Amino acid sequence: MNATVVGGGLAGCEAAWQLAKRGVSVTLYEMKPYKKTPAQSLNTMAELVCSNSLRSDRLTNAVGLLKEEMRRLDSLILRVADQTRVPAGGALAVDREGFSSGVDALLRSLPNLTVVQEEVTEIPPGNTIVATGPLTSEALSNAIAKIEGLSTLFFYDAAAPIVLAESLDRSKIFRMSRYGRGEDYLNCPMDETEYLAFTHALQTAETVPVKGFEESAVFEGCMPVESMAKRGDMAIAFGPLKPVGLTDPRTGKPPFAAVQLRRDNFADTLYNIVGFQTRLTFPEQRRVFRMIPGLEQAEFARLGVMHRNTFLNSPGFLDDTFRVLSRPELYFAGQITGVEGYVESAASGLVAGVSMAYRLRGEEPPRFSGRTALGAMGRYVSSQNRHFQPMNCAFGLIDPYGYEKGEKKIRNKQQRYECISERALAEIDTLCRQMEP
């Protein structure tokens, strides 16, 4: 049994792992280090380019449920993420370089997996999973566009800046997670005057012209902070700078607004400016972001960038296992399918890898129902949708609780989400027992 995986991002690495652990001989193509996209800097696979956070770990959050489902199915991405995690309150954040090198090393250690470091410009013949991500090269994008019945779409997203910890003025910063959930974030508090001056600077700062850029073509979760600020003077105070759940120890009160910094590595030397995706010019980023209290002398390890992302019009093109309906030997995985987010991308790779491995053995693959987060994401990308857009995992996609036989309707939202999670994990556990050799 042989299979090819194109792309060494989170989805491709997860798909390759799921195939190889089931006895499939895998050839994994990754164009790094010989060629990189504008957003990449590391030479290892599974590079996190926009953030080091894999978001909430709580089962009352849909992505927390998705991660737990993946853990129980022996996800490579979650295995290494748990090994390289750094403090981030209730979220799963990782040491960026440690995570990437960990995934890279585990894959290369598999005897039935070969990594080929070269660019792929055509879809390989035979059993193939294409997981080249939203920054798929122009040559391969053109090859994909030729598949019958496909229309491609695009949107923009952006990466936030990273600052050196040693350059921060700690006298103006306090350490605290929201709602008393630890002390894993640094907070730069602003009074009303500081906030309004900063907001007005954002609103008038020079931006990098991006060809074809439209505000409507930006995924909401990656909206540039300056675009958000232009919606109104208080827009970012209710967004990334919301002070809710924080108390400034110097005043004993919540600040008017607060910029949060999230630890980016084990060594505690780098911090990500949370929610500060941007397309400001580099000089303007240095000028405007140094208006943040505590960042007046900030040194930037990475400045923010914006890039165009490509994704497929998947409904009617893919099934719920991410297989191409017109070409059963071909799968897609990752953000190119229209799932949004690191965890969701890896999850699609897991489903595609498991599905292909079973089919190569001549067996019907396990199907994840809409009662699970994994199944709900597959259903979303495969169901007809006139306004299909990239989507994060959300409880709204999962079958609701209280409508099946034996389920009582629950008014309390958190309790209802807990019941949805319990039901989903019970189903995953049953599937895991059925999948045992």
Protein backbone atom coordinates (compact mmCIF):
# COMPACT_ATOMS: atom_id res chain seq x y z
CA MET A 1 0.00 0.00 0.00
CA ASN A 2 1.46 3.32 -1.10
CA ALA A 3 0.28 6.90 -0.75
CA THR A 4 1.61 10.39 -1.45
CA VAL A 5 1.06 13.43 0.76
CA VAL A 6 1.86 16.85 -0.68
CA GLY A 7 2.63 19.50 1.94
CA GLY A 8 4.37 19.38 5.31
CA GLY A 9 2.07 21.71 7.22
CA LEU A 10 -0.12 20.58 10.10
CA ALA A 11 -2.69 18.87 7.87
CA GLY A 12 -0.11 17.08 5.72
CA CYS A 13 1.93 15.92 8.70
CA GLU A 14 -1.17 14.60 10.48
CA ALA A 15 -2.39 12.80 7.34
CA ALA A 16 1.04 11.23 6.78
CA TRP A 17 1.18 10.06 10.41
CA GLN A 18 -2.28 8.48 10.30
CA LEU A 19 -1.40 6.66 7.06
CA ALA A 20 2.04 5.47 8.16
CA LYS A 21 0.91 4.17 11.56
CA ARG A 22 -1.60 1.98 9.70
CA GLY A 23 1.09 0.34 7.58
CA VAL A 24 0.88 2.50 4.46
CA SER A 25 4.19 3.42 2.76
CA VAL A 26 4.07 7.21 2.59
CA THR A 27 6.02 9.67 0.44
CA LEU A 28 5.67 13.15 1.94
CA TYR A 29 6.62 16.09 -0.28
CA GLU A 30 7.68 19.32 1.41
CA MET A 31 9.33 22.16 -0.51
CA LYS A 32 11.15 23.61 2.50
CA PRO A 33 13.94 24.44 3.05
CA TYR A 34 14.65 24.98 -0.64
CA LYS A 35 11.60 27.15 -1.19
CA LYS A 36 9.47 29.01 1.34
CA THR A 37 6.34 31.14 1.25
CA PRO A 38 6.56 34.76 2.47
CA ALA A 39 5.05 33.71 5.83
CA GLN A 40 7.52 30.91 6.59
CA SER A 41 10.89 31.15 8.37
CA LEU A 42 11.71 27.70 9.82
CA ASN A 43 13.27 24.82 7.89
CA THR A 44 11.24 22.15 9.70
CA MET A 45 7.72 20.95 8.93
CA ALA A 46 4.50 21.88 10.78
CA GLU A 47 5.49 25.53 11.13
CA LEU A 48 3.01 27.79 12.93
CA VAL A 49 3.13 31.09 11.06
CA CYS A 50 0.30 33.27 12.40
CA SER A 51 0.22 32.37 16.09
CA ASN A 52 1.60 29.82 18.52
CA SER A 53 -1.81 29.26 20.10
CA LEU A 54 -3.98 26.23 19.38
CA ARG A 55 -6.76 27.94 21.33
CA SER A 56 -8.97 26.77 24.18
CA ASP A 57 -8.53 23.40 25.86
CA ARG A 58 -11.90 23.51 27.64
CA LEU A 59 -14.64 21.07 26.64
CA THR A 60 -17.17 23.90 26.83
CA ASN A 61 -15.40 25.32 23.76
CA ALA A 62 -15.87 23.58 20.40
CA VAL A 63 -12.17 23.62 19.49
CA GLY A 64 -11.39 22.16 22.91
CA LEU A 65 -13.72 19.28 22.10
CA LEU A 66 -12.12 18.88 18.67
CA LYS A 67 -8.66 18.62 20.25
CA GLU A 68 -9.80 16.00 22.74
CA GLU A 69 -11.35 13.93 19.96
CA MET A 70 -8.04 14.11 18.11
CA ARG A 71 -6.04 13.13 21.21
CA ARG A 72 -8.11 9.98 21.58
CA LEU A 73 -7.37 9.11 17.94
CA ASP A 74 -3.60 9.49 18.54
CA SER A 75 -3.13 12.78 16.69
CA LEU A 76 0.53 13.54 15.98
CA ILE A 77 -0.13 17.28 16.16
CA LEU A 78 -1.79 17.08 19.60
CA ARG A 79 0.83 14.62 20.90
CA VAL A 80 3.66 17.04 20.12
CA ALA A 81 1.64 20.12 21.11
CA ASP A 82 1.05 18.67 24.58
CA GLN A 83 4.78 17.91 24.87
CA THR A 84 5.85 21.44 23.88
CA ARG A 85 3.12 23.53 25.49
CA VAL A 86 3.89 26.83 27.19
CA PRO A 87 1.67 28.53 29.83
CA ALA A 88 -1.34 30.27 28.27
CA GLY A 89 -4.17 30.15 30.79
CA GLY A 90 -6.95 27.90 29.51
CA ALA A 91 -5.46 27.76 26.01
CA LEU A 92 -3.01 25.33 24.41
CA ALA A 93 -0.02 27.37 23.24
CA VAL A 94 3.28 25.84 22.19
CA ASP A 95 6.95 26.65 21.80
CA ARG A 96 6.86 27.40 18.08
CA GLU A 97 10.29 26.01 17.15
CA GLY A 98 10.09 23.08 19.57
CA PHE A 99 6.71 22.06 18.19
CA SER A 100 7.85 22.20 14.57
CA SER A 101 11.08 20.30 15.19
CA GLY A 102 9.21 17.70 17.30
CA VAL A 103 6.69 16.93 14.56
CA ASP A 104 9.47 16.89 11.95
CA ALA A 105 11.62 14.47 13.97
CA LEU A 106 8.80 12.02 14.73
CA LEU A 107 7.75 11.80 11.08
CA ARG A 108 11.32 11.28 9.85
CA SER A 109 11.76 8.49 12.39
CA LEU A 110 9.02 6.36 10.81
CA PRO A 111 10.55 3.53 8.74
CA ASN A 112 7.75 3.52 6.16
CA LEU A 113 7.72 7.28 5.57
CA THR A 114 10.03 9.12 3.16
CA VAL A 115 10.33 12.91 3.11
CA VAL A 116 11.14 14.38 -0.32
CA GLN A 117 12.17 18.03 -0.13
CA GLU A 118 11.11 19.52 -3.42
CA GLU A 119 8.25 21.55 -4.84
CA VAL A 120 5.33 19.73 -6.44
CA THR A 121 3.82 21.53 -9.43
CA GLU A 122 1.38 18.85 -10.63
CA ILE A 123 -0.98 16.54 -8.74
CA PRO A 124 0.86 13.21 -8.38
CA PRO A 125 -0.84 10.12 -9.84
CA GLY A 126 -2.33 7.46 -7.59
CA ASN A 127 -3.47 7.76 -3.99
CA THR A 128 -2.68 11.33 -2.99
CA ILE A 129 -3.60 13.78 -0.25
CA VAL A 130 -2.97 17.41 -1.22
CA ALA A 131 -2.40 19.45 1.93
CA THR A 132 -0.49 22.43 0.58
CA GLY A 133 -2.38 24.96 2.62
CA PRO A 134 -3.76 28.39 1.84
CA LEU A 135 -0.41 29.50 0.37
CA THR A 136 -0.41 26.84 -2.35
CA SER A 137 2.09 27.75 -5.09
CA GLU A 138 0.81 29.26 -8.31
CA ALA A 139 1.89 26.26 -10.40
CA LEU A 140 0.07 23.72 -8.22
CA SER A 141 -2.94 26.01 -7.85
CA ASN A 142 -3.24 26.06 -11.64
CA ALA A 143 -3.10 22.26 -11.73
CA ILE A 144 -5.77 22.00 -9.04
CA ALA A 145 -8.01 24.48 -10.87
CA LYS A 146 -8.14 22.11 -13.85
CA ILE A 147 -9.99 19.43 -11.85
CA GLU A 148 -13.47 19.10 -13.29
CA GLY A 149 -16.24 20.80 -11.34
CA LEU A 150 -14.00 22.95 -9.18
CA SER A 151 -14.03 26.69 -8.59
CA THR A 152 -11.41 28.24 -6.32
CA LEU A 153 -11.92 31.10 -3.95
CA PHE A 154 -9.59 33.24 -1.88
CA PHE A 155 -9.40 35.38 1.20
CA TYR A 156 -6.70 37.23 3.10
CA ASP A 157 -5.24 36.68 6.52
CA ALA A 158 -2.34 38.08 8.48
CA ALA A 159 0.30 37.32 11.09
CA ALA A 160 0.81 39.33 14.28
CA PRO A 161 4.18 40.79 15.36
CA ILE A 162 6.45 39.15 17.94
CA VAL A 163 8.54 41.20 20.39
CA LEU A 164 11.63 40.38 22.45
CA ALA A 165 10.81 39.96 26.14
CA GLU A 166 13.98 41.73 27.26
CA SER A 167 12.91 44.90 25.43
CA LEU A 168 9.67 45.31 27.41
CA ASP A 169 9.27 47.92 30.16
CA ARG A 170 7.95 45.68 32.95
CA SER A 171 7.22 48.68 35.21
CA LYS A 172 4.19 49.44 33.02
CA ILE A 173 3.07 45.83 32.45
CA PHE A 174 1.32 43.36 34.75
CA ARG A 175 1.06 39.57 34.46
CA MET A 176 -2.46 38.11 34.60
CA SER A 177 -4.81 35.86 32.65
CA ARG A 178 -8.44 36.88 32.29
CA TYR A 179 -10.90 35.97 35.05
CA GLY A 180 -8.17 34.83 37.44
CA ARG A 181 -7.13 31.88 35.26
CA GLY A 182 -3.45 32.06 36.13
CA GLU A 183 -0.76 34.56 35.20
CA ASP A 184 0.23 33.42 31.73
CA TYR A 185 -0.30 36.69 29.83
CA LEU A 186 1.45 40.05 30.03
CA ASN A 187 -0.94 43.01 29.94
CA CYS A 188 -0.18 46.53 28.75
CA PRO A 189 -2.90 48.71 30.34
CA MET A 190 -4.12 51.93 28.73
CA ASP A 191 -6.12 54.80 30.15
CA GLU A 192 -8.71 56.49 27.96
CA THR A 193 -6.33 59.15 26.64
CA GLU A 194 -3.65 56.60 25.73
CA TYR A 195 -6.23 54.35 24.11
CA LEU A 196 -7.77 57.04 21.92
CA ALA A 197 -4.36 58.32 20.81
CA PHE A 198 -3.36 54.78 19.88
CA THR A 199 -6.63 54.12 18.06
CA HIS A 200 -6.36 57.32 16.03
CA ALA A 201 -2.77 56.43 15.10
CA LEU A 202 -3.96 53.02 13.87
CA GLN A 203 -6.76 54.60 11.87
CA THR A 204 -4.41 56.93 9.99
CA ALA A 205 -1.25 54.80 9.69
CA GLU A 206 0.13 53.84 6.29
CA THR A 207 -0.68 50.31 5.11
CA VAL A 208 0.95 48.03 2.58
CA PRO A 209 -1.08 47.90 -0.63
CA VAL A 210 -2.12 44.29 -1.26
CA LYS A 211 -3.16 43.50 -4.81
CA GLY A 212 -6.89 42.92 -4.99
CA PHE A 213 -7.31 43.57 -1.25
CA GLU A 214 -10.91 43.92 -0.10
CA GLU A 215 -12.06 44.22 3.51
CA SER A 216 -14.86 41.74 2.72
CA ALA A 217 -12.28 39.13 1.64
CA VAL A 218 -10.62 39.00 5.06
CA PHE A 219 -11.51 36.15 7.40
CA GLU A 220 -12.99 37.83 10.48
CA GLY A 221 -10.68 36.01 12.90
CA CYS A 222 -7.65 37.46 11.09
CA MET A 223 -8.96 41.00 10.54
CA PRO A 224 -6.04 43.48 10.58
CA VAL A 225 -6.14 45.49 13.78
CA GLU A 226 -6.07 48.78 11.85
CA SER A 227 -9.09 47.66 9.78
CA MET A 228 -10.93 46.85 12.99
CA ALA A 229 -10.01 50.26 14.44
CA LYS A 230 -11.54 52.01 11.42
CA ARG A 231 -14.94 50.59 12.32
CA GLY A 232 -15.13 53.05 15.20
CA ASP A 233 -13.09 54.52 18.04
CA MET A 234 -14.28 51.85 20.50
CA ALA A 235 -14.12 48.87 18.14
CA ILE A 236 -10.82 47.41 19.37
CA ALA A 237 -11.76 48.13 23.00
CA PHE A 238 -14.45 45.49 22.49
CA GLY A 239 -12.06 43.32 20.48
CA PRO A 240 -8.41 42.46 21.16
CA LEU A 241 -8.00 45.27 23.73
CA LYS A 242 -11.05 44.42 25.84
CA PRO A 243 -10.19 44.79 29.55
CA VAL A 244 -12.87 42.36 30.75
CA GLY A 245 -11.61 39.87 33.33
CA LEU A 246 -8.48 41.89 34.14
CA THR A 247 -7.58 43.99 37.18
CA ASP A 248 -4.64 46.38 37.13
CA PRO A 249 -2.82 45.71 40.44
CA ARG A 250 -1.68 49.34 40.56
CA THR A 251 -5.25 50.68 40.68
CA GLY A 252 -7.27 47.67 41.81
CA LYS A 253 -9.62 48.31 38.88
CA PRO A 254 -9.95 47.11 35.27
CA PRO A 255 -7.93 49.28 32.86
CA PHE A 256 -9.78 51.23 30.17
CA ALA A 257 -8.17 48.93 27.60
CA ALA A 258 -5.33 46.42 27.58
CA VAL A 259 -3.04 44.90 24.98
CA GLN A 260 -2.18 41.29 25.82
CA LEU A 261 1.13 39.58 25.08
CA ARG A 262 1.26 35.78 24.90
CA ARG A 263 4.43 33.80 25.52
CA ASP A 264 5.80 32.38 22.26
CA ASN A 265 8.55 29.96 23.38
CA PHE A 266 9.82 27.84 26.28
CA ALA A 267 12.71 30.18 26.99
CA ASP A 268 10.24 33.02 27.70
CA THR A 269 12.21 35.35 25.42
CA LEU A 270 9.52 36.04 22.78
CA TYR A 271 5.97 37.37 23.07
CA ASN A 272 3.20 37.51 20.48
CA ILE A 273 1.00 40.64 20.46
CA VAL A 274 -2.41 38.98 20.72
CA GLY A 275 -4.92 39.92 18.03
CA PHE A 276 -2.55 42.31 16.26
CA GLN A 277 -2.65 40.91 12.76
CA THR A 278 -1.74 43.81 10.51
CA ARG A 279 -0.86 45.10 7.08
CA LEU A 280 0.77 48.30 8.34
CA THR A 281 4.11 49.09 6.72
CA PHE A 282 7.10 47.97 8.77
CA PRO A 283 8.11 51.53 9.80
CA GLU A 284 4.51 52.27 10.84
CA GLN A 285 4.32 49.08 12.88
CA ARG A 286 7.39 50.15 14.85
CA ARG A 287 6.03 53.67 15.33
CA VAL A 288 2.42 52.86 16.23
CA PHE A 289 2.95 49.70 18.30
CA ARG A 290 5.60 51.47 20.38
CA MET A 291 2.77 53.75 21.57
CA ILE A 292 1.54 50.79 23.65
CA PRO A 293 2.55 51.28 27.31
CA GLY A 294 5.52 49.04 28.04
CA LEU A 295 6.43 48.66 24.35
CA GLU A 296 8.08 52.07 23.91
CA GLN A 297 11.48 50.43 23.32
CA ALA A 298 10.18 47.15 21.92
CA GLU A 299 12.44 45.17 19.63
CA PHE A 300 10.58 43.10 17.05
CA ALA A 301 11.66 39.54 16.33
CA ARG A 302 9.03 39.45 13.59
CA LEU A 303 6.82 42.16 12.14
CA GLY A 304 3.29 41.49 10.95
CA VAL A 305 2.56 40.45 7.37
CA MET A 306 -0.56 39.87 5.29
CA HIS A 307 -0.96 37.30 2.54
CA ARG A 308 -3.58 36.00 0.15
CA ASN A 309 -4.92 32.53 0.92
CA THR A 310 -6.55 30.09 -1.49
CA PHE A 311 -9.30 27.65 -0.61
CA LEU A 312 -11.56 25.34 -2.59
CA ASN A 313 -15.28 25.66 -3.13
CA SER A 314 -15.56 22.30 -1.39
CA PRO A 315 -19.36 21.67 -1.25
CA GLY A 316 -20.20 19.32 -4.11
CA PHE A 317 -16.47 18.74 -4.74
CA LEU A 318 -15.39 16.90 -1.55
CA ASP A 319 -17.21 14.36 0.59
CA ASP A 320 -17.19 14.42 4.39
CA THR A 321 -13.86 12.55 4.50
CA PHE A 322 -12.26 15.25 2.30
CA ARG A 323 -12.13 12.93 -0.73
CA VAL A 324 -12.70 14.35 -4.23
CA LEU A 325 -16.05 13.00 -5.43
CA SER A 326 -14.96 12.74 -9.07
CA ARG A 327 -11.52 11.26 -8.28
CA PRO A 328 -11.78 8.74 -5.40
CA GLU A 329 -7.99 8.31 -5.15
CA LEU A 330 -7.49 12.03 -4.46
CA TYR A 331 -8.07 13.84 -1.15
CA PHE A 332 -7.48 17.39 0.04
CA ALA A 333 -6.77 18.44 3.63
CA GLY A 334 -6.08 21.62 5.58
CA GLN A 335 -7.14 25.21 5.12
CA ILE A 336 -7.33 24.78 1.37
CA THR A 337 -10.55 22.82 2.00
CA GLY A 338 -12.26 25.70 3.79
CA VAL A 339 -11.62 24.70 7.39
CA GLU A 340 -10.10 27.61 9.29
CA GLY A 341 -7.50 27.36 12.02
CA TYR A 342 -4.51 25.24 12.96
CA VAL A 343 -6.50 22.63 14.89
CA GLU A 344 -9.19 22.34 12.23
CA SER A 345 -6.52 21.93 9.53
CA ALA A 346 -4.82 19.12 11.44
CA ALA A 347 -8.24 17.53 12.09
CA SER A 348 -9.00 17.39 8.37
CA GLY A 349 -5.63 15.72 7.80
CA LEU A 350 -6.49 13.15 10.47
CA VAL A 351 -9.84 12.30 8.87
CA ALA A 352 -8.36 12.17 5.35
CA GLY A 353 -5.44 9.99 6.46
CA VAL A 354 -7.62 7.52 8.37
CA SER A 355 -10.11 7.34 5.52
CA MET A 356 -7.48 6.70 2.84
CA ALA A 357 -5.70 4.07 4.96
CA TYR A 358 -8.90 2.06 5.37
CA ARG A 359 -9.77 2.29 1.68
CA LEU A 360 -6.29 1.12 0.70
CA ARG A 361 -6.95 -1.98 2.82
CA GLY A 362 -10.24 -2.51 0.99
CA GLU A 363 -12.27 -1.63 4.07
CA GLU A 364 -14.98 0.94 4.66
CA PRO A 365 -13.51 3.79 6.71
CA PRO A 366 -15.00 4.88 10.02
CA ARG A 367 -17.46 7.74 9.61
CA PHE A 368 -17.58 10.54 12.12
CA SER A 369 -21.13 11.70 12.63
CA GLY A 370 -22.39 15.23 13.07
CA ARG A 371 -22.55 14.58 16.82
CA THR A 372 -18.74 14.86 16.86
CA ALA A 373 -16.62 17.92 16.12
CA LEU A 374 -14.61 15.95 13.53
CA GLY A 375 -17.76 14.88 11.72
CA ALA A 376 -19.32 18.31 11.90
CA MET A 377 -16.31 19.90 10.19
CA GLY A 378 -16.39 17.27 7.42
CA ARG A 379 -20.11 17.84 6.99
CA TYR A 380 -19.60 21.60 6.76
CA VAL A 381 -17.10 21.45 3.89
CA SER A 382 -19.13 18.86 1.96
CA SER A 383 -22.67 20.27 2.34
CA GLN A 384 -24.18 22.64 -0.18
CA ASN A 385 -23.70 26.26 0.86
CA ARG A 386 -24.36 29.24 -1.38
CA HIS A 387 -22.02 31.48 0.59
CA PHE A 388 -19.27 29.01 1.51
CA GLN A 389 -16.49 30.66 3.55
CA PRO A 390 -13.64 29.37 5.75
CA MET A 391 -15.04 28.26 9.10
CA ASN A 392 -13.65 27.55 12.56
CA CYS A 393 -15.07 24.66 14.54
CA ALA A 394 -18.14 25.85 16.47
CA PHE A 395 -20.90 24.21 18.52
CA GLY A 396 -23.35 25.61 15.96
CA LEU A 397 -21.99 23.09 13.44
CA ILE A 398 -22.43 20.09 15.77
CA ASP A 399 -25.80 18.34 16.15
CA PRO A 400 -27.65 20.14 18.96
CA TYR A 401 -28.37 18.49 22.29
CA GLY A 402 -31.91 17.85 23.50
CA TYR A 403 -33.56 16.67 20.28
CA GLU A 404 -32.58 13.00 20.19
CA LYS A 405 -34.43 10.32 22.10
CA GLY A 406 -33.44 10.27 25.76
CA GLU A 407 -31.89 13.75 25.68
CA LYS A 408 -33.41 16.45 27.85
CA LYS A 409 -33.34 20.05 26.69
CA ILE A 410 -30.93 22.14 28.76
CA ARG A 411 -31.28 25.90 29.03
CA ASN A 412 -27.87 26.61 30.52
CA LYS A 413 -25.46 27.02 27.60
CA GLN A 414 -22.33 25.78 29.38
CA GLN A 415 -24.11 22.68 30.69
CA ARG A 416 -25.51 22.04 27.21
CA TYR A 417 -22.02 22.26 25.70
CA GLU A 418 -20.73 19.85 28.35
CA CYS A 419 -23.41 17.35 27.34
CA ILE A 420 -22.55 17.76 23.65
CA SER A 421 -18.91 17.08 24.47
CA GLU A 422 -19.71 14.03 26.62
CA ARG A 423 -21.88 12.61 23.83
CA ALA A 424 -19.19 13.27 21.19
CA LEU A 425 -16.37 11.70 23.20
CA ALA A 426 -18.46 8.62 23.97
CA GLU A 427 -18.95 8.18 20.22
CA ILE A 428 -15.22 8.69 19.55
CA ASP A 429 -14.36 6.11 22.22
CA THR A 430 -16.66 3.60 20.52
CA LEU A 431 -15.01 4.28 17.17
CA CYS A 432 -11.56 3.88 18.72
CA ARG A 433 -12.51 0.42 20.02
CA GLN A 434 -13.84 -0.54 16.58
CA MET A 435 -10.63 0.71 14.94
CA GLU A 436 -8.32 -1.37 17.14
CA PRO A 437 -6.40 -4.01 15.11
